[in-house]
Amino acid sequence: MLSTMTGGGMSDQPNDPLASGSRSVNFFENQFQRQVREQEFALNPFEILAIGYVAGEVLDLGCGLGNLTLEVAKRGCRVVAVDASPTALARIRQVAEEESLPVETVLADLGTFRIAREFDTVVAIGLLMFFRRERALQLLSDIQGCVRPRGLAAVNVLVEGTTFLDMFDPDNYYLFGSEELREHFAGWDILVWRAETYPAPNGTVKKFTTVIAEKREPPTKGG
């Protein structure tokens, strides 16, 4: 199945995310155009980590160039890939069509996007920090809410101590506390928790935390 949608849920929305003038959206659109020209499609360390846990019907939020989307689709997953970059989604569609992969693409403003149904796995790698705190935590709650029981969430964020901020809108980002992401998964079975620091341009650093967690079955009545 291949289809293209734009939206604030999984439904049509005519607005072009690039028209918002968002610094972060345009930062990544330009980066993705360069990577497509130079054929840079390597999985990043967080994607490599997550792939071993991804299964079933998958929602890849902020999918970027689709490196994870396409890899797990090749392994039998059905994927809905959501991003604000037309360049990224065009690349995903091209590969999916050439290889007959079960991928659906959605062009969306992730600042207003609503998840409309449940999935076995939801991936949000390097996404939630691009919103104000209220929106970041609301989207995290939405992610958790749409994971089916015994399904997985794989979430990766930048945390306090990060000094590379070039990709952020100055008044529209949120650096999580060092333990905050893990705390939001209280009541889940945490399979992976990692804190990592990477060098960035001009002597700056990026500090990440990653959680991969399984959603518990709801308690039975009277149990």
C-alpha atoms as a PDB file:
ATOM      1  CA  MET A   1       0.000   0.000   0.000  1.00  0.00           C
ATOM      2  CA  LEU A   2       1.353   3.380  -0.965  1.00  0.00           C
ATOM      3  CA  SER A   3      -0.444   6.634  -0.407  1.00  0.00           C
ATOM      4  CA  THR A   4       0.299  10.248   0.372  1.00  0.00           C
ATOM      5  CA  MET A   5      -1.620  12.426   2.795  1.00  0.00           C
ATOM      6  CA  THR A   6      -1.251  15.774   4.458  1.00  0.00           C
ATOM      7  CA  GLY A   7      -2.799  16.372   7.758  1.00  0.00           C
ATOM      8  CA  GLY A   8      -3.388  17.158  11.358  1.00  0.00           C
ATOM      9  CA  GLY A   9      -4.580  13.603  11.977  1.00  0.00           C
ATOM     10  CA  MET A  10      -4.498  11.004   9.273  1.00  0.00           C
ATOM     11  CA  SER A  11      -6.756  13.146   7.138  1.00  0.00           C
ATOM     12  CA  ASP A  12      -6.239  15.743   4.454  1.00  0.00           C
ATOM     13  CA  GLN A  13      -5.006  19.195   5.366  1.00  0.00           C
ATOM     14  CA  PRO A  14      -4.010  21.496   2.496  1.00  0.00           C
ATOM     15  CA  ASN A  15      -1.441  23.523   4.440  1.00  0.00           C
ATOM     16  CA  ASP A  16       2.214  23.164   3.477  1.00  0.00           C
ATOM     17  CA  PRO A  17       4.365  22.859   6.636  1.00  0.00           C
ATOM     18  CA  LEU A  18       7.167  24.766   4.885  1.00  0.00           C
ATOM     19  CA  ALA A  19       4.890  27.787   4.588  1.00  0.00           C
ATOM     20  CA  SER A  20       5.032  28.260   8.363  1.00  0.00           C
ATOM     21  CA  GLY A  21       8.545  29.691   8.103  1.00  0.00           C
ATOM     22  CA  SER A  22       9.676  27.462  10.967  1.00  0.00           C
ATOM     23  CA  ARG A  23      13.438  27.585  11.404  1.00  0.00           C
ATOM     24  CA  SER A  24      13.606  23.909  12.352  1.00  0.00           C
ATOM     25  CA  VAL A  25      11.413  22.741   9.458  1.00  0.00           C
ATOM     26  CA  ASN A  26      13.476  24.683   6.950  1.00  0.00           C
ATOM     27  CA  PHE A  27      16.747  23.584   8.597  1.00  0.00           C
ATOM     28  CA  PHE A  28      15.887  19.951   7.988  1.00  0.00           C
ATOM     29  CA  GLU A  29      14.362  20.506   4.551  1.00  0.00           C
ATOM     30  CA  ASN A  30      17.675  22.017   3.425  1.00  0.00           C
ATOM     31  CA  GLN A  31      19.635  19.229   5.114  1.00  0.00           C
ATOM     32  CA  PHE A  32      17.494  16.542   3.470  1.00  0.00           C
ATOM     33  CA  GLN A  33      17.908  18.141   0.035  1.00  0.00           C
ATOM     34  CA  ARG A  34      21.679  17.994   0.491  1.00  0.00           C
ATOM     35  CA  GLN A  35      21.583  14.398   1.721  1.00  0.00           C
ATOM     36  CA  VAL A  36      19.464  13.321  -1.245  1.00  0.00           C
ATOM     37  CA  ARG A  37      21.906  15.000  -3.643  1.00  0.00           C
ATOM     38  CA  GLU A  38      24.845  13.308  -1.942  1.00  0.00           C
ATOM     39  CA  GLN A  39      23.033   9.995  -1.379  1.00  0.00           C
ATOM     40  CA  GLU A  40      23.574  10.047   2.388  1.00  0.00           C
ATOM     41  CA  PHE A  41      21.110   7.516   3.747  1.00  0.00           C
ATOM     42  CA  ALA A  42      22.925   5.770   6.590  1.00  0.00           C
ATOM     43  CA  LEU A  43      20.961   4.791   9.672  1.00  0.00           C
ATOM     44  CA  ASN A  44      21.858   6.856  12.725  1.00  0.00           C
ATOM     45  CA  PRO A  45      22.787   5.134  16.022  1.00  0.00           C
ATOM     46  CA  PHE A  46      19.317   5.628  17.500  1.00  0.00           C
ATOM     47  CA  GLU A  47      17.635   4.086  14.457  1.00  0.00           C
ATOM     48  CA  ILE A  48      20.019   1.131  14.562  1.00  0.00           C
ATOM     49  CA  LEU A  49      19.135   0.616  18.224  1.00  0.00           C
ATOM     50  CA  ALA A  50      15.373   0.847  17.648  1.00  0.00           C
ATOM     51  CA  ILE A  51      15.154  -1.408  14.604  1.00  0.00           C
ATOM     52  CA  GLY A  52      15.643  -4.575  16.626  1.00  0.00           C
ATOM     53  CA  TYR A  53      12.483  -3.819  18.619  1.00  0.00           C
ATOM     54  CA  VAL A  54      10.148  -2.481  15.916  1.00  0.00           C
ATOM     55  CA  ALA A  55       7.352  -4.818  14.834  1.00  0.00           C
ATOM     56  CA  GLY A  56       3.850  -4.942  13.357  1.00  0.00           C
ATOM     57  CA  GLU A  57       2.046  -1.768  12.320  1.00  0.00           C
ATOM     58  CA  VAL A  58       4.432   1.126  12.820  1.00  0.00           C
ATOM     59  CA  LEU A  59       4.034   4.889  13.110  1.00  0.00           C
ATOM     60  CA  ASP A  60       7.312   6.719  12.423  1.00  0.00           C
ATOM     61  CA  LEU A  61       6.809  10.304  13.614  1.00  0.00           C
ATOM     62  CA  GLY A  62       9.352  12.765  12.274  1.00  0.00           C
ATOM     63  CA  CYS A  63      10.610  10.033   9.965  1.00  0.00           C
ATOM     64  CA  GLY A  64      13.070  12.251   8.096  1.00  0.00           C
ATOM     65  CA  LEU A  65      14.518  10.549   5.033  1.00  0.00           C
ATOM     66  CA  GLY A  66      12.896   7.289   6.054  1.00  0.00           C
ATOM     67  CA  ASN A  67      15.964   5.229   6.788  1.00  0.00           C
ATOM     68  CA  LEU A  68      14.208   3.423   9.639  1.00  0.00           C
ATOM     69  CA  THR A  69      10.849   3.371   7.830  1.00  0.00           C
ATOM     70  CA  LEU A  70      12.269   1.659   4.768  1.00  0.00           C
ATOM     71  CA  GLU A  71      14.425  -0.787   6.710  1.00  0.00           C
ATOM     72  CA  VAL A  72      11.594  -2.070   8.903  1.00  0.00           C
ATOM     73  CA  ALA A  73       9.239  -2.198   5.905  1.00  0.00           C
ATOM     74  CA  LYS A  74      11.767  -4.496   4.222  1.00  0.00           C
ATOM     75  CA  ARG A  75      11.523  -6.684   7.333  1.00  0.00           C
ATOM     76  CA  GLY A  76       7.753  -7.014   7.017  1.00  0.00           C
ATOM     77  CA  CYS A  77       6.351  -4.062   8.973  1.00  0.00           C
ATOM     78  CA  ARG A  78       3.580  -1.842   7.626  1.00  0.00           C
ATOM     79  CA  VAL A  79       4.632   1.754   8.217  1.00  0.00           C
ATOM     80  CA  VAL A  80       2.962   5.154   8.331  1.00  0.00           C
ATOM     81  CA  ALA A  81       5.781   7.692   7.901  1.00  0.00           C
ATOM     82  CA  VAL A  82       5.034  11.281   8.986  1.00  0.00           C
ATOM     83  CA  ASP A  83       7.201  14.335   8.392  1.00  0.00           C
ATOM     84  CA  ALA A  84       7.063  18.020   7.472  1.00  0.00           C
ATOM     85  CA  SER A  85       9.621  17.660   4.665  1.00  0.00           C
ATOM     86  CA  PRO A  86       8.352  17.148   1.099  1.00  0.00           C
ATOM     87  CA  THR A  87      11.884  16.177   0.049  1.00  0.00           C
ATOM     88  CA  ALA A  88      12.104  13.433   2.666  1.00  0.00           C
ATOM     89  CA  LEU A  89       8.696  11.979   1.868  1.00  0.00           C
ATOM     90  CA  ALA A  90       9.370  12.033  -1.877  1.00  0.00           C
ATOM     91  CA  ARG A  91      12.491   9.958  -1.293  1.00  0.00           C
ATOM     92  CA  ILE A  92      10.546   7.471   0.845  1.00  0.00           C
ATOM     93  CA  ARG A  93       7.806   7.115  -1.764  1.00  0.00           C
ATOM     94  CA  GLN A  94      10.317   6.585  -4.550  1.00  0.00           C
ATOM     95  CA  VAL A  95      12.101   3.757  -2.739  1.00  0.00           C
ATOM     96  CA  ALA A  96       8.873   2.199  -1.489  1.00  0.00           C
ATOM     97  CA  GLU A  97       7.418   2.177  -4.991  1.00  0.00           C
ATOM     98  CA  GLU A  98      10.576   0.721  -6.510  1.00  0.00           C
ATOM     99  CA  GLU A  99      10.721  -2.043  -3.893  1.00  0.00           C
ATOM    100  CA  SER A 100       6.948  -2.557  -3.384  1.00  0.00           C
ATOM    101  CA  LEU A 101       7.156  -1.793   0.327  1.00  0.00           C
ATOM    102  CA  PRO A 102       4.056  -1.289   2.533  1.00  0.00           C
ATOM    103  CA  VAL A 103       4.647   2.362   3.392  1.00  0.00           C
ATOM    104  CA  GLU A 104       2.185   5.237   3.669  1.00  0.00           C
ATOM    105  CA  THR A 105       3.518   8.806   3.790  1.00  0.00           C
ATOM    106  CA  VAL A 106       1.881  11.746   5.552  1.00  0.00           C
ATOM    107  CA  LEU A 107       3.000  15.361   5.063  1.00  0.00           C
ATOM    108  CA  ALA A 108       2.105  17.175   8.276  1.00  0.00           C
ATOM    109  CA  ASP A 109       2.850  20.036  10.607  1.00  0.00           C
ATOM    110  CA  LEU A 110       3.924  17.990  13.605  1.00  0.00           C
ATOM    111  CA  GLY A 111       3.132  20.910  15.868  1.00  0.00           C
ATOM    112  CA  THR A 112      -0.572  20.226  15.326  1.00  0.00           C
ATOM    113  CA  PHE A 113      -0.598  16.610  14.124  1.00  0.00           C
ATOM    114  CA  ARG A 114      -3.054  14.262  15.833  1.00  0.00           C
ATOM    115  CA  ILE A 115      -2.616  10.496  15.919  1.00  0.00           C
ATOM    116  CA  ALA A 116      -5.910   8.985  14.852  1.00  0.00           C
ATOM    117  CA  ARG A 117      -5.501   5.275  15.562  1.00  0.00           C
ATOM    118  CA  GLU A 118      -3.459   2.638  17.372  1.00  0.00           C
ATOM    119  CA  PHE A 119      -0.180   1.040  16.318  1.00  0.00           C
ATOM    120  CA  ASP A 120       1.984  -1.843  17.476  1.00  0.00           C
ATOM    121  CA  THR A 121       5.075   0.385  17.493  1.00  0.00           C
ATOM    122  CA  VAL A 122       5.476   4.153  17.564  1.00  0.00           C
ATOM    123  CA  VAL A 123       8.878   5.682  16.861  1.00  0.00           C
ATOM    124  CA  ALA A 124       9.751   9.321  17.583  1.00  0.00           C
ATOM    125  CA  ILE A 125      13.492   9.758  17.198  1.00  0.00           C
ATOM    126  CA  GLY A 126      14.779  13.306  17.599  1.00  0.00           C
ATOM    127  CA  LEU A 127      11.349  14.926  17.416  1.00  0.00           C
ATOM    128  CA  LEU A 128       9.796  16.036  20.689  1.00  0.00           C
ATOM    129  CA  MET A 129      12.379  18.697  21.540  1.00  0.00           C
ATOM    130  CA  PHE A 130      11.246  20.801  18.558  1.00  0.00           C
ATOM    131  CA  PHE A 131       8.157  22.059  20.399  1.00  0.00           C
ATOM    132  CA  ARG A 132       7.411  24.069  23.495  1.00  0.00           C
ATOM    133  CA  ARG A 133       7.161  21.983  26.650  1.00  0.00           C
ATOM    134  CA  GLU A 134       3.363  21.788  26.643  1.00  0.00           C
ATOM    135  CA  ARG A 135       3.197  20.491  23.075  1.00  0.00           C
ATOM    136  CA  ALA A 136       6.160  18.143  23.557  1.00  0.00           C
ATOM    137  CA  LEU A 137       4.530  16.495  26.558  1.00  0.00           C
ATOM    138  CA  GLN A 138       1.120  16.385  24.887  1.00  0.00           C
ATOM    139  CA  LEU A 139       2.582  14.626  21.856  1.00  0.00           C
ATOM    140  CA  LEU A 140       4.442  12.212  24.118  1.00  0.00           C
ATOM    141  CA  SER A 141       1.160  11.434  25.876  1.00  0.00           C
ATOM    142  CA  ASP A 142      -0.536  10.938  22.496  1.00  0.00           C
ATOM    143  CA  ILE A 143       2.239   8.557  21.447  1.00  0.00           C
ATOM    144  CA  GLN A 144       1.791   6.528  24.597  1.00  0.00           C
ATOM    145  CA  GLY A 145      -1.969   6.503  24.165  1.00  0.00           C
ATOM    146  CA  CYS A 146      -1.891   5.124  20.627  1.00  0.00           C
ATOM    147  CA  VAL A 147       0.440   2.198  21.370  1.00  0.00           C
ATOM    148  CA  ARG A 148      -1.478  -1.057  21.626  1.00  0.00           C
ATOM    149  CA  PRO A 149      -1.074  -3.163  24.790  1.00  0.00           C
ATOM    150  CA  ARG A 150       2.188  -5.131  24.574  1.00  0.00           C
ATOM    151  CA  GLY A 151       3.265  -2.724  21.849  1.00  0.00           C
ATOM    152  CA  LEU A 152       6.379  -0.550  21.895  1.00  0.00           C
ATOM    153  CA  ALA A 153       7.349   3.100  21.961  1.00  0.00           C
ATOM    154  CA  ALA A 154      10.859   4.140  20.913  1.00  0.00           C
ATOM    155  CA  VAL A 155      11.501   7.776  21.833  1.00  0.00           C
ATOM    156  CA  ASN A 156      14.696   9.813  21.698  1.00  0.00           C
ATOM    157  CA  VAL A 157      15.112  13.441  22.804  1.00  0.00           C
ATOM    158  CA  LEU A 158      17.731  16.087  23.431  1.00  0.00           C
ATOM    159  CA  VAL A 159      18.200  16.956  27.093  1.00  0.00           C
ATOM    160  CA  GLU A 160      19.529  19.771  29.246  1.00  0.00           C
ATOM    161  CA  GLY A 161      23.219  20.343  28.703  1.00  0.00           C
ATOM    162  CA  THR A 162      22.851  20.356  24.924  1.00  0.00           C
ATOM    163  CA  THR A 163      24.676  23.401  23.557  1.00  0.00           C
ATOM    164  CA  PHE A 164      24.133  22.926  19.807  1.00  0.00           C
ATOM    165  CA  LEU A 165      20.912  24.850  19.189  1.00  0.00           C
ATOM    166  CA  ASP A 166      21.245  25.967  15.555  1.00  0.00           C
ATOM    167  CA  MET A 167      18.277  23.900  14.359  1.00  0.00           C
ATOM    168  CA  PHE A 168      15.788  25.296  16.879  1.00  0.00           C
ATOM    169  CA  ASP A 169      13.327  28.143  16.624  1.00  0.00           C
ATOM    170  CA  PRO A 170      14.486  30.335  19.536  1.00  0.00           C
ATOM    171  CA  ASP A 171      11.102  30.362  21.274  1.00  0.00           C
ATOM    172  CA  ASN A 172       9.871  26.933  20.201  1.00  0.00           C
ATOM    173  CA  TYR A 173      11.924  24.092  21.645  1.00  0.00           C
ATOM    174  CA  TYR A 174      12.265  22.090  24.836  1.00  0.00           C
ATOM    175  CA  LEU A 175      15.269  20.318  26.309  1.00  0.00           C
ATOM    176  CA  PHE A 176      14.066  17.495  28.536  1.00  0.00           C
ATOM    177  CA  GLY A 177      15.513  16.892  31.978  1.00  0.00           C
ATOM    178  CA  SER A 178      18.131  14.157  32.115  1.00  0.00           C
ATOM    179  CA  GLU A 179      15.712  11.664  33.738  1.00  0.00           C
ATOM    180  CA  GLU A 180      12.451  13.162  32.502  1.00  0.00           C
ATOM    181  CA  LEU A 181      11.807  10.882  29.548  1.00  0.00           C
ATOM    182  CA  ARG A 182      12.264   7.768  31.650  1.00  0.00           C
ATOM    183  CA  GLU A 183       9.959   9.195  34.325  1.00  0.00           C
ATOM    184  CA  HIS A 184       7.194   9.684  31.760  1.00  0.00           C
ATOM    185  CA  PHE A 185       7.308   5.952  31.066  1.00  0.00           C
ATOM    186  CA  ALA A 186       6.466   4.974  34.641  1.00  0.00           C
ATOM    187  CA  GLY A 187       4.023   2.070  34.408  1.00  0.00           C
ATOM    188  CA  TRP A 188       5.643   0.731  31.229  1.00  0.00           C
ATOM    189  CA  ASP A 189       8.277  -1.977  31.010  1.00  0.00           C
ATOM    190  CA  ILE A 190      11.442  -0.132  30.001  1.00  0.00           C
ATOM    191  CA  LEU A 191      13.542  -2.341  27.757  1.00  0.00           C
ATOM    192  CA  VAL A 192      16.231   0.225  26.913  1.00  0.00           C
ATOM    193  CA  TRP A 193      17.296   3.471  28.550  1.00  0.00           C
ATOM    194  CA  ARG A 194      20.386   5.291  27.361  1.00  0.00           C
ATOM    195  CA  ALA A 195      22.024   8.649  27.959  1.00  0.00           C
ATOM    196  CA  GLU A 196      24.602   9.656  25.349  1.00  0.00           C
ATOM    197  CA  THR A 197      26.625  12.726  24.406  1.00  0.00           C
ATOM    198  CA  TYR A 198      27.835  13.522  20.890  1.00  0.00           C
ATOM    199  CA  PRO A 199      30.146  16.297  19.675  1.00  0.00           C
ATOM    200  CA  ALA A 200      28.579  18.984  17.485  1.00  0.00           C
ATOM    201  CA  PRO A 201      29.952  21.930  15.445  1.00  0.00           C
ATOM    202  CA  ASN A 202      32.090  24.662  16.996  1.00  0.00           C
ATOM    203  CA  GLY A 203      32.803  22.803  20.206  1.00  0.00           C
ATOM    204  CA  THR A 204      29.153  22.321  21.120  1.00  0.00           C
ATOM    205  CA  VAL A 205      27.523  19.067  22.198  1.00  0.00           C
ATOM    206  CA  LYS A 206      24.253  17.193  21.819  1.00  0.00           C
ATOM    207  CA  LYS A 207      23.030  15.244  24.842  1.00  0.00           C
ATOM    208  CA  PHE A 208      20.368  12.593  24.237  1.00  0.00           C
ATOM    209  CA  THR A 209      18.274  10.184  26.215  1.00  0.00           C
ATOM    210  CA  THR A 210      16.536   7.247  24.561  1.00  0.00           C
ATOM    211  CA  VAL A 211      13.753   5.050  25.904  1.00  0.00           C
ATOM    212  CA  ILE A 212      12.360   1.905  24.311  1.00  0.00           C
ATOM    213  CA  ALA A 213       9.458   0.632  26.380  1.00  0.00           C
ATOM    214  CA  GLU A 214       6.674  -1.930  26.198  1.00  0.00           C
ATOM    215  CA  LYS A 215       3.127  -0.968  27.148  1.00  0.00           C
ATOM    216  CA  ARG A 216       1.626  -3.188  29.799  1.00  0.00           C
ATOM    217  CA  GLU A 217      -1.721  -4.889  29.418  1.00  0.00           C
ATOM    218  CA  PRO A 218      -4.491  -2.958  31.198  1.00  0.00           C
ATOM    219  CA  PRO A 219      -5.476  -4.486  34.533  1.00  0.00           C
ATOM    220  CA  THR A 220      -8.385  -6.881  34.375  1.00  0.00           C
ATOM    221  CA  LYS A 221     -11.599  -5.930  36.115  1.00  0.00           C
ATOM    222  CA  GLY A 222     -11.469  -6.968  39.716  1.00  0.00           C
ATOM    223  CA  GLY A 223      -7.790  -7.853  39.334  1.00  0.00           C
END
